[in-house]
């Protein structure tokens, strides 16, 4: 089976074209291929195929975390989908609609010398209602509220960007032991489908520092939906402008929460690492 290893700011996935390959058990395949010792090594796999019948989209992406669980969407992964389909001649369009479990996302590709170098993604509207995130609490939102985990109480904001996020401001994220505290939040009883957790600092109104514990994958070097949720939470807290740079372990994303459309946009690179054959 042919595959391509790609990453967006170090958030790495294995991309497989369903136009040429057949995958019968994507969950098992993701667990096997994602293993960084016995497999290719990645945060998961992404399957690229034709859009579902009746969907107004050019392509469909399905993604599975390294533990085999299926995820709704990933901002870094979808940028790589745009690069994959363009660079491999599956399209010659620079504006694409991609079907995901979180809805149809619109991609604008930047092309240089016949190759995609960066992608701007319309991530859609953030959802703040707990029932839509989903959470097991009632009310109109979960903004700046207390949550207890790992023996401590934190102030956090919950946002859905098509997948659940919990954003927690911290004075110093560099020294956090994420493998110790990340699972406590990921599996918190308030989140029936688990959650991604972003630990952020707000040094000024134009910059956000972020580390992320991704549901089903652990700490990753970047997360596009997480960066989106972090900007939304920071704006709601009065700690960031509507357009800011989010600094992740793997690099920087430009994130904007447009006031007129209420949509969040991310702009960042997509990189091909290598292609190979899975025996």
C-alpha atoms as a PDB file:
ATOM      1  CA  UNK A   1       0.000   0.000   0.000  1.00  0.00           C
ATOM      2  CA  UNK A   2       1.357   3.403  -1.000  1.00  0.00           C
ATOM      3  CA  UNK A   3       1.395   6.115   1.673  1.00  0.00           C
ATOM      4  CA  UNK A   4       2.743   9.617   2.176  1.00  0.00           C
ATOM      5  CA  UNK A   5       4.080  10.978   5.454  1.00  0.00           C
ATOM      6  CA  UNK A   6       3.217  14.685   5.910  1.00  0.00           C
ATOM      7  CA  UNK A   7       3.109  17.183   8.728  1.00  0.00           C
ATOM      8  CA  UNK A   8       1.721  20.584   9.609  1.00  0.00           C
ATOM      9  CA  UNK A   9       4.100  22.196  12.108  1.00  0.00           C
ATOM     10  CA  UNK A  10       5.197  18.764  13.326  1.00  0.00           C
ATOM     11  CA  UNK A  11       1.644  17.437  13.761  1.00  0.00           C
ATOM     12  CA  UNK A  12       2.359  14.409  11.574  1.00  0.00           C
ATOM     13  CA  UNK A  13      -0.015  12.013   9.868  1.00  0.00           C
ATOM     14  CA  UNK A  14       0.176   9.250   7.271  1.00  0.00           C
ATOM     15  CA  UNK A  15      -1.905  10.031   4.187  1.00  0.00           C
ATOM     16  CA  UNK A  16      -3.487   7.309   2.068  1.00  0.00           C
ATOM     17  CA  UNK A  17      -5.397   7.862  -1.161  1.00  0.00           C
ATOM     18  CA  UNK A  18      -8.618   5.863  -1.402  1.00  0.00           C
ATOM     19  CA  UNK A  19      -8.594   6.608  -5.132  1.00  0.00           C
ATOM     20  CA  UNK A  20      -5.897   3.933  -5.485  1.00  0.00           C
ATOM     21  CA  UNK A  21      -5.879   1.995  -2.198  1.00  0.00           C
ATOM     22  CA  UNK A  22      -8.399   0.035  -0.114  1.00  0.00           C
ATOM     23  CA  UNK A  23      -8.442   0.198   3.683  1.00  0.00           C
ATOM     24  CA  UNK A  24     -10.703  -2.330   5.393  1.00  0.00           C
ATOM     25  CA  UNK A  25      -9.871  -1.639   9.054  1.00  0.00           C
ATOM     26  CA  UNK A  26      -8.620   1.938   9.423  1.00  0.00           C
ATOM     27  CA  UNK A  27      -8.555   1.829  13.232  1.00  0.00           C
ATOM     28  CA  UNK A  28      -6.214  -1.168  13.321  1.00  0.00           C
ATOM     29  CA  UNK A  29      -4.138   0.240  10.479  1.00  0.00           C
ATOM     30  CA  UNK A  30      -3.711   3.529  12.318  1.00  0.00           C
ATOM     31  CA  UNK A  31      -2.519   1.801  15.476  1.00  0.00           C
ATOM     32  CA  UNK A  32       0.006  -0.243  13.492  1.00  0.00           C
ATOM     33  CA  UNK A  33       1.324   2.483  11.176  1.00  0.00           C
ATOM     34  CA  UNK A  34       1.431   5.189  13.844  1.00  0.00           C
ATOM     35  CA  UNK A  35       3.719   3.228  16.156  1.00  0.00           C
ATOM     36  CA  UNK A  36       6.997   5.136  16.264  1.00  0.00           C
ATOM     37  CA  UNK A  37       9.078   2.011  16.882  1.00  0.00           C
ATOM     38  CA  UNK A  38       7.365  -0.744  14.898  1.00  0.00           C
ATOM     39  CA  UNK A  39       5.521   1.322  12.282  1.00  0.00           C
ATOM     40  CA  UNK A  40       6.007   4.501  10.265  1.00  0.00           C
ATOM     41  CA  UNK A  41       5.461   6.787  13.230  1.00  0.00           C
ATOM     42  CA  UNK A  42       2.731   9.440  13.333  1.00  0.00           C
ATOM     43  CA  UNK A  43      -0.105  11.035  15.276  1.00  0.00           C
ATOM     44  CA  UNK A  44      -2.514   8.986  13.150  1.00  0.00           C
ATOM     45  CA  UNK A  45      -3.636   8.295   9.580  1.00  0.00           C
ATOM     46  CA  UNK A  46      -5.719  10.333   7.141  1.00  0.00           C
ATOM     47  CA  UNK A  47      -7.719   8.722   4.334  1.00  0.00           C
ATOM     48  CA  UNK A  48      -8.414  10.886   1.272  1.00  0.00           C
ATOM     49  CA  UNK A  49     -11.226   9.933  -1.071  1.00  0.00           C
ATOM     50  CA  UNK A  50     -14.168  11.221  -3.101  1.00  0.00           C
ATOM     51  CA  UNK A  51     -16.869  13.214  -1.351  1.00  0.00           C
ATOM     52  CA  UNK A  52     -19.941  11.339  -0.138  1.00  0.00           C
ATOM     53  CA  UNK A  53     -22.939  11.286  -2.512  1.00  0.00           C
ATOM     54  CA  UNK A  54     -24.999  14.439  -2.173  1.00  0.00           C
ATOM     55  CA  UNK A  55     -22.230  16.386  -0.460  1.00  0.00           C
ATOM     56  CA  UNK A  56     -21.127  19.659  -2.057  1.00  0.00           C
ATOM     57  CA  UNK A  57     -17.421  18.928  -1.665  1.00  0.00           C
ATOM     58  CA  UNK A  58     -14.400  18.074  -3.796  1.00  0.00           C
ATOM     59  CA  UNK A  59     -12.846  15.489  -1.467  1.00  0.00           C
ATOM     60  CA  UNK A  60     -13.477  13.706   1.801  1.00  0.00           C
ATOM     61  CA  UNK A  61     -10.994  13.200   4.617  1.00  0.00           C
ATOM     62  CA  UNK A  62     -11.291  10.603   7.363  1.00  0.00           C
ATOM     63  CA  UNK A  63      -8.801  10.673  10.198  1.00  0.00           C
ATOM     64  CA  UNK A  64      -7.874   8.208  12.908  1.00  0.00           C
ATOM     65  CA  UNK A  65      -5.716   8.932  15.934  1.00  0.00           C
ATOM     66  CA  UNK A  66      -2.728   6.810  16.850  1.00  0.00           C
ATOM     67  CA  UNK A  67      -4.899   4.881  19.344  1.00  0.00           C
ATOM     68  CA  UNK A  68      -7.343   3.950  16.564  1.00  0.00           C
ATOM     69  CA  UNK A  69     -10.125   6.330  17.575  1.00  0.00           C
ATOM     70  CA  UNK A  70     -11.743   8.359  14.804  1.00  0.00           C
ATOM     71  CA  UNK A  71     -11.503  12.153  15.025  1.00  0.00           C
ATOM     72  CA  UNK A  72     -13.821  14.729  13.510  1.00  0.00           C
ATOM     73  CA  UNK A  73     -11.222  17.107  12.074  1.00  0.00           C
ATOM     74  CA  UNK A  74      -7.709  18.451  12.383  1.00  0.00           C
ATOM     75  CA  UNK A  75      -6.592  21.848  11.157  1.00  0.00           C
ATOM     76  CA  UNK A  76      -3.028  20.735  10.488  1.00  0.00           C
ATOM     77  CA  UNK A  77      -4.103  17.529   8.772  1.00  0.00           C
ATOM     78  CA  UNK A  78      -6.584  19.228   6.463  1.00  0.00           C
ATOM     79  CA  UNK A  79      -3.901  21.636   5.249  1.00  0.00           C
ATOM     80  CA  UNK A  80      -1.853  18.600   4.251  1.00  0.00           C
ATOM     81  CA  UNK A  81      -4.900  17.155   2.481  1.00  0.00           C
ATOM     82  CA  UNK A  82      -4.980  20.272   0.318  1.00  0.00           C
ATOM     83  CA  UNK A  83      -1.299  19.896  -0.504  1.00  0.00           C
ATOM     84  CA  UNK A  84      -1.663  16.150  -1.173  1.00  0.00           C
ATOM     85  CA  UNK A  85      -4.483  16.434  -3.695  1.00  0.00           C
ATOM     86  CA  UNK A  86      -2.918  19.373  -5.544  1.00  0.00           C
ATOM     87  CA  UNK A  87       0.672  18.130  -5.602  1.00  0.00           C
ATOM     88  CA  UNK A  88      -0.450  14.675  -6.740  1.00  0.00           C
ATOM     89  CA  UNK A  89      -2.568  16.010  -9.600  1.00  0.00           C
ATOM     90  CA  UNK A  90      -5.953  15.089  -8.142  1.00  0.00           C
ATOM     91  CA  UNK A  91      -7.066  18.688  -8.688  1.00  0.00           C
ATOM     92  CA  UNK A  92      -5.835  21.865 -10.335  1.00  0.00           C
ATOM     93  CA  UNK A  93      -8.060  24.128  -8.232  1.00  0.00           C
ATOM     94  CA  UNK A  94      -6.587  26.365  -5.533  1.00  0.00           C
ATOM     95  CA  UNK A  95      -9.872  26.680  -3.630  1.00  0.00           C
ATOM     96  CA  UNK A  96     -11.229  23.389  -2.363  1.00  0.00           C
ATOM     97  CA  UNK A  97     -14.133  22.071  -0.324  1.00  0.00           C
ATOM     98  CA  UNK A  98     -13.218  19.127   1.898  1.00  0.00           C
ATOM     99  CA  UNK A  99     -15.824  16.986   3.644  1.00  0.00           C
ATOM    100  CA  UNK A 100     -15.054  16.096   7.271  1.00  0.00           C
ATOM    101  CA  UNK A 101     -17.028  14.759  10.218  1.00  0.00           C
ATOM    102  CA  UNK A 102     -17.062  18.367  11.421  1.00  0.00           C
ATOM    103  CA  UNK A 103     -18.661  19.585   8.203  1.00  0.00           C
ATOM    104  CA  UNK A 104     -17.327  20.894   4.910  1.00  0.00           C
ATOM    105  CA  UNK A 105     -14.222  23.076   5.216  1.00  0.00           C
ATOM    106  CA  UNK A 106     -12.964  25.512   2.587  1.00  0.00           C
ATOM    107  CA  UNK A 107      -9.254  25.611   1.777  1.00  0.00           C
ATOM    108  CA  UNK A 108      -7.334  28.311  -0.086  1.00  0.00           C
ATOM    109  CA  UNK A 109      -4.000  27.029  -1.391  1.00  0.00           C
ATOM    110  CA  UNK A 110      -0.847  29.069  -1.909  1.00  0.00           C
ATOM    111  CA  UNK A 111       1.149  27.523  -4.765  1.00  0.00           C
ATOM    112  CA  UNK A 112       4.773  28.184  -5.699  1.00  0.00           C
ATOM    113  CA  UNK A 113       6.588  26.401  -8.532  1.00  0.00           C
ATOM    114  CA  UNK A 114       3.715  23.954  -8.913  1.00  0.00           C
ATOM    115  CA  UNK A 115       3.658  22.907  -5.251  1.00  0.00           C
ATOM    116  CA  UNK A 116       1.500  23.988  -2.324  1.00  0.00           C
ATOM    117  CA  UNK A 117       3.506  25.828   0.332  1.00  0.00           C
ATOM    118  CA  UNK A 118       0.783  27.025   2.700  1.00  0.00           C
ATOM    119  CA  UNK A 119      -2.955  26.705   3.174  1.00  0.00           C
ATOM    120  CA  UNK A 120      -5.582  28.989   4.688  1.00  0.00           C
ATOM    121  CA  UNK A 121      -8.477  27.050   6.187  1.00  0.00           C
ATOM    122  CA  UNK A 122     -11.948  28.297   7.050  1.00  0.00           C
ATOM    123  CA  UNK A 123     -12.472  26.394  10.286  1.00  0.00           C
ATOM    124  CA  UNK A 124     -16.105  27.486  10.620  1.00  0.00           C
ATOM    125  CA  UNK A 125     -17.864  28.949  13.637  1.00  0.00           C
ATOM    126  CA  UNK A 126     -16.817  28.093  17.188  1.00  0.00           C
ATOM    127  CA  UNK A 127     -19.515  26.475  19.285  1.00  0.00           C
ATOM    128  CA  UNK A 128     -19.757  27.492  22.934  1.00  0.00           C
ATOM    129  CA  UNK A 129     -22.906  25.706  24.094  1.00  0.00           C
ATOM    130  CA  UNK A 130     -21.949  22.765  26.333  1.00  0.00           C
ATOM    131  CA  UNK A 131     -24.456  20.423  24.680  1.00  0.00           C
ATOM    132  CA  UNK A 132     -22.767  21.007  21.304  1.00  0.00           C
ATOM    133  CA  UNK A 133     -19.185  20.507  22.535  1.00  0.00           C
ATOM    134  CA  UNK A 134     -20.409  18.066  24.046  1.00  0.00           C
ATOM    135  CA  UNK A 135     -20.309  18.408  27.838  1.00  0.00           C
ATOM    136  CA  UNK A 136     -22.458  17.007  30.601  1.00  0.00           C
ATOM    137  CA  UNK A 137     -23.228  20.442  32.068  1.00  0.00           C
ATOM    138  CA  UNK A 138     -26.127  22.745  31.292  1.00  0.00           C
ATOM    139  CA  UNK A 139     -26.112  26.438  30.484  1.00  0.00           C
ATOM    140  CA  UNK A 140     -25.296  28.705  27.560  1.00  0.00           C
ATOM    141  CA  UNK A 141     -21.520  28.322  27.767  1.00  0.00           C
ATOM    142  CA  UNK A 142     -18.541  27.140  29.796  1.00  0.00           C
ATOM    143  CA  UNK A 143     -16.366  30.268  29.723  1.00  0.00           C
ATOM    144  CA  UNK A 144     -13.870  31.012  32.488  1.00  0.00           C
ATOM    145  CA  UNK A 145     -15.339  28.388  34.771  1.00  0.00           C
ATOM    146  CA  UNK A 146     -13.643  26.189  37.320  1.00  0.00           C
ATOM    147  CA  UNK A 147     -12.801  22.581  36.597  1.00  0.00           C
ATOM    148  CA  UNK A 148     -11.079  20.134  38.915  1.00  0.00           C
ATOM    149  CA  UNK A 149      -8.559  17.553  37.700  1.00  0.00           C
ATOM    150  CA  UNK A 150      -5.303  16.047  38.865  1.00  0.00           C
ATOM    151  CA  UNK A 151      -5.974  17.297  42.385  1.00  0.00           C
ATOM    152  CA  UNK A 152      -6.124  20.959  41.399  1.00  0.00           C
ATOM    153  CA  UNK A 153      -8.728  23.476  40.341  1.00  0.00           C
ATOM    154  CA  UNK A 154      -8.216  25.361  37.080  1.00  0.00           C
ATOM    155  CA  UNK A 155     -10.136  28.080  35.281  1.00  0.00           C
ATOM    156  CA  UNK A 156     -10.969  26.950  31.757  1.00  0.00           C
ATOM    157  CA  UNK A 157     -13.076  27.648  28.674  1.00  0.00           C
ATOM    158  CA  UNK A 158     -14.659  24.936  26.531  1.00  0.00           C
ATOM    159  CA  UNK A 159     -14.980  25.408  22.765  1.00  0.00           C
ATOM    160  CA  UNK A 160     -15.952  23.115  19.918  1.00  0.00           C
ATOM    161  CA  UNK A 161     -14.251  23.625  16.564  1.00  0.00           C
ATOM    162  CA  UNK A 162     -16.040  20.567  15.230  1.00  0.00           C
ATOM    163  CA  UNK A 163     -14.248  18.616  17.963  1.00  0.00           C
ATOM    164  CA  UNK A 164     -14.151  19.310  21.717  1.00  0.00           C
ATOM    165  CA  UNK A 165     -11.517  21.544  23.310  1.00  0.00           C
ATOM    166  CA  UNK A 166     -10.767  22.708  26.825  1.00  0.00           C
ATOM    167  CA  UNK A 167      -8.509  25.786  26.980  1.00  0.00           C
ATOM    168  CA  UNK A 168      -6.656  26.397  30.250  1.00  0.00           C
ATOM    169  CA  UNK A 169      -4.601  29.587  30.805  1.00  0.00           C
ATOM    170  CA  UNK A 170      -1.416  29.003  32.772  1.00  0.00           C
ATOM    171  CA  UNK A 171       1.394  31.309  33.968  1.00  0.00           C
ATOM    172  CA  UNK A 172       4.098  28.933  32.685  1.00  0.00           C
ATOM    173  CA  UNK A 173       3.357  26.125  30.235  1.00  0.00           C
ATOM    174  CA  UNK A 174       6.974  25.159  29.505  1.00  0.00           C
ATOM    175  CA  UNK A 175       7.379  23.275  32.759  1.00  0.00           C
ATOM    176  CA  UNK A 176       4.095  21.360  32.613  1.00  0.00           C
ATOM    177  CA  UNK A 177       4.253  17.566  32.817  1.00  0.00           C
ATOM    178  CA  UNK A 178       1.628  16.921  30.144  1.00  0.00           C
ATOM    179  CA  UNK A 179       1.848  13.096  30.206  1.00  0.00           C
ATOM    180  CA  UNK A 180       0.884  13.308  33.874  1.00  0.00           C
ATOM    181  CA  UNK A 181      -1.912  15.867  33.679  1.00  0.00           C
ATOM    182  CA  UNK A 182      -3.133  15.576  30.079  1.00  0.00           C
ATOM    183  CA  UNK A 183      -5.050  12.298  30.511  1.00  0.00           C
ATOM    184  CA  UNK A 184      -6.841  13.712  33.570  1.00  0.00           C
ATOM    185  CA  UNK A 185      -8.450  16.352  31.412  1.00  0.00           C
ATOM    186  CA  UNK A 186      -8.846  14.221  28.278  1.00  0.00           C
ATOM    187  CA  UNK A 187     -10.925  11.700  30.206  1.00  0.00           C
ATOM    188  CA  UNK A 188     -12.701  14.169  32.492  1.00  0.00           C
ATOM    189  CA  UNK A 189     -16.301  13.113  33.260  1.00  0.00           C
ATOM    190  CA  UNK A 190     -17.596  16.459  31.974  1.00  0.00           C
ATOM    191  CA  UNK A 191     -16.650  15.341  28.439  1.00  0.00           C
ATOM    192  CA  UNK A 192     -18.536  12.184  27.374  1.00  0.00           C
ATOM    193  CA  UNK A 193     -16.488  11.917  24.138  1.00  0.00           C
ATOM    194  CA  UNK A 194     -13.222  12.987  25.798  1.00  0.00           C
ATOM    195  CA  UNK A 195     -11.572  16.289  24.940  1.00  0.00           C
ATOM    196  CA  UNK A 196      -8.469  17.911  23.523  1.00  0.00           C
ATOM    197  CA  UNK A 197      -6.800  20.171  26.085  1.00  0.00           C
ATOM    198  CA  UNK A 198      -4.815  23.331  25.363  1.00  0.00           C
ATOM    199  CA  UNK A 199      -2.559  24.893  27.982  1.00  0.00           C
ATOM    200  CA  UNK A 200      -1.862  28.493  27.003  1.00  0.00           C
ATOM    201  CA  UNK A 201      -0.008  31.656  27.981  1.00  0.00           C
ATOM    202  CA  UNK A 202      -1.043  35.151  26.848  1.00  0.00           C
ATOM    203  CA  UNK A 203       2.120  37.302  26.826  1.00  0.00           C
ATOM    204  CA  UNK A 204       0.364  40.096  24.918  1.00  0.00           C
ATOM    205  CA  UNK A 205      -2.675  40.739  22.726  1.00  0.00           C
ATOM    206  CA  UNK A 206      -1.006  39.538  19.514  1.00  0.00           C
ATOM    207  CA  UNK A 207       0.615  36.307  20.694  1.00  0.00           C
ATOM    208  CA  UNK A 208      -0.486  33.077  22.337  1.00  0.00           C
ATOM    209  CA  UNK A 209       1.816  30.320  23.515  1.00  0.00           C
ATOM    210  CA  UNK A 210       0.229  26.874  23.459  1.00  0.00           C
ATOM    211  CA  UNK A 211       0.887  23.241  24.297  1.00  0.00           C
ATOM    212  CA  UNK A 212      -1.709  20.624  23.490  1.00  0.00           C
ATOM    213  CA  UNK A 213      -2.724  17.210  24.767  1.00  0.00           C
ATOM    214  CA  UNK A 214      -4.697  15.687  21.890  1.00  0.00           C
ATOM    215  CA  UNK A 215      -7.492  13.247  22.503  1.00  0.00           C
ATOM    216  CA  UNK A 216      -6.326   9.818  21.372  1.00  0.00           C
ATOM    217  CA  UNK A 217      -2.774  10.893  20.514  1.00  0.00           C
ATOM    218  CA  UNK A 218      -1.177  12.523  23.573  1.00  0.00           C
ATOM    219  CA  UNK A 219       1.013  15.612  23.331  1.00  0.00           C
ATOM    220  CA  UNK A 220       1.564  16.716  19.751  1.00  0.00           C
ATOM    221  CA  UNK A 221       3.703  19.485  18.304  1.00  0.00           C
ATOM    222  CA  UNK A 222       0.729  21.390  16.903  1.00  0.00           C
ATOM    223  CA  UNK A 223      -3.062  21.373  16.651  1.00  0.00           C
ATOM    224  CA  UNK A 224      -4.998  23.614  14.257  1.00  0.00           C
ATOM    225  CA  UNK A 225      -8.400  23.216  15.880  1.00  0.00           C
ATOM    226  CA  UNK A 226      -6.691  23.693  19.251  1.00  0.00           C
ATOM    227  CA  UNK A 227      -5.039  26.902  18.078  1.00  0.00           C
ATOM    228  CA  UNK A 228      -8.453  28.077  16.880  1.00  0.00           C
ATOM    229  CA  UNK A 229     -10.072  27.262  20.211  1.00  0.00           C
ATOM    230  CA  UNK A 230      -7.217  28.970  22.072  1.00  0.00           C
ATOM    231  CA  UNK A 231      -7.711  32.211  20.148  1.00  0.00           C
ATOM    232  CA  UNK A 232     -11.467  32.125  20.745  1.00  0.00           C
ATOM    233  CA  UNK A 233     -10.985  31.527  24.477  1.00  0.00           C
ATOM    234  CA  UNK A 234      -8.338  34.262  24.677  1.00  0.00           C
ATOM    235  CA  UNK A 235     -10.560  36.790  22.872  1.00  0.00           C
ATOM    236  CA  UNK A 236     -13.475  35.962  25.180  1.00  0.00           C
ATOM    237  CA  UNK A 237     -11.182  36.517  28.164  1.00  0.00           C
ATOM    238  CA  UNK A 238      -9.964  39.849  26.788  1.00  0.00           C
ATOM    239  CA  UNK A 239      -6.426  38.494  26.490  1.00  0.00           C
ATOM    240  CA  UNK A 240      -5.977  38.543  22.685  1.00  0.00           C
ATOM    241  CA  UNK A 241      -6.980  40.422  19.580  1.00  0.00           C
ATOM    242  CA  UNK A 242      -9.151  38.696  16.998  1.00  0.00           C
ATOM    243  CA  UNK A 243      -6.063  38.017  14.889  1.00  0.00           C
ATOM    244  CA  UNK A 244      -2.977  36.652  16.616  1.00  0.00           C
ATOM    245  CA  UNK A 245       0.003  34.374  16.198  1.00  0.00           C
ATOM    246  CA  UNK A 246      -0.273  31.079  18.064  1.00  0.00           C
ATOM    247  CA  UNK A 247       3.144  29.703  18.966  1.00  0.00           C
ATOM    248  CA  UNK A 248       3.200  25.896  19.113  1.00  0.00           C
ATOM    249  CA  UNK A 249       6.068  23.509  19.739  1.00  0.00           C
ATOM    250  CA  UNK A 250       6.252  22.799  15.998  1.00  0.00           C
ATOM    251  CA  UNK A 251       6.004  26.398  14.785  1.00  0.00           C
ATOM    252  CA  UNK A 252       3.566  29.275  14.370  1.00  0.00           C
ATOM    253  CA  UNK A 253       0.019  29.571  13.051  1.00  0.00           C
ATOM    254  CA  UNK A 254      -1.761  32.792  12.148  1.00  0.00           C
ATOM    255  CA  UNK A 255      -5.292  32.536  13.535  1.00  0.00           C
ATOM    256  CA  UNK A 256      -8.132  34.997  12.966  1.00  0.00           C
ATOM    257  CA  UNK A 257     -11.666  35.046  14.392  1.00  0.00           C
ATOM    258  CA  UNK A 258     -13.572  37.156  11.876  1.00  0.00           C
ATOM    259  CA  UNK A 259     -16.095  39.414  13.565  1.00  0.00           C
ATOM    260  CA  UNK A 260     -18.439  39.679  10.570  1.00  0.00           C
ATOM    261  CA  UNK A 261     -18.765  35.992   9.689  1.00  0.00           C
ATOM    262  CA  UNK A 262     -17.960  34.565  13.158  1.00  0.00           C
ATOM    263  CA  UNK A 263     -15.685  32.075  11.353  1.00  0.00           C
ATOM    264  CA  UNK A 264     -12.181  31.199  12.500  1.00  0.00           C
ATOM    265  CA  UNK A 265      -9.388  31.033   9.909  1.00  0.00           C
ATOM    266  CA  UNK A 266      -5.956  29.474  10.264  1.00  0.00           C
ATOM    267  CA  UNK A 267      -3.013  30.002   7.949  1.00  0.00           C
ATOM    268  CA  UNK A 268       0.067  27.819   8.022  1.00  0.00           C
ATOM    269  CA  UNK A 269       2.412  25.474   6.157  1.00  0.00           C
ATOM    270  CA  UNK A 270       1.961  21.905   4.946  1.00  0.00           C
ATOM    271  CA  UNK A 271       5.002  19.707   4.377  1.00  0.00           C
ATOM    272  CA  UNK A 272       5.593  16.382   2.649  1.00  0.00           C
ATOM    273  CA  UNK A 273       8.228  14.279   4.418  1.00  0.00           C
ATOM    274  CA  UNK A 274       8.432  11.117   2.315  1.00  0.00           C
ATOM    275  CA  UNK A 275       6.429   8.522   0.418  1.00  0.00           C
ATOM    276  CA  UNK A 276       6.676   4.776   0.951  1.00  0.00           C
ATOM    277  CA  UNK A 277       5.095   1.346   0.721  1.00  0.00           C
ATOM    278  CA  UNK A 278       3.460  -0.396   3.700  1.00  0.00           C
ATOM    279  CA  UNK A 279       4.091  -4.100   3.342  1.00  0.00           C
END
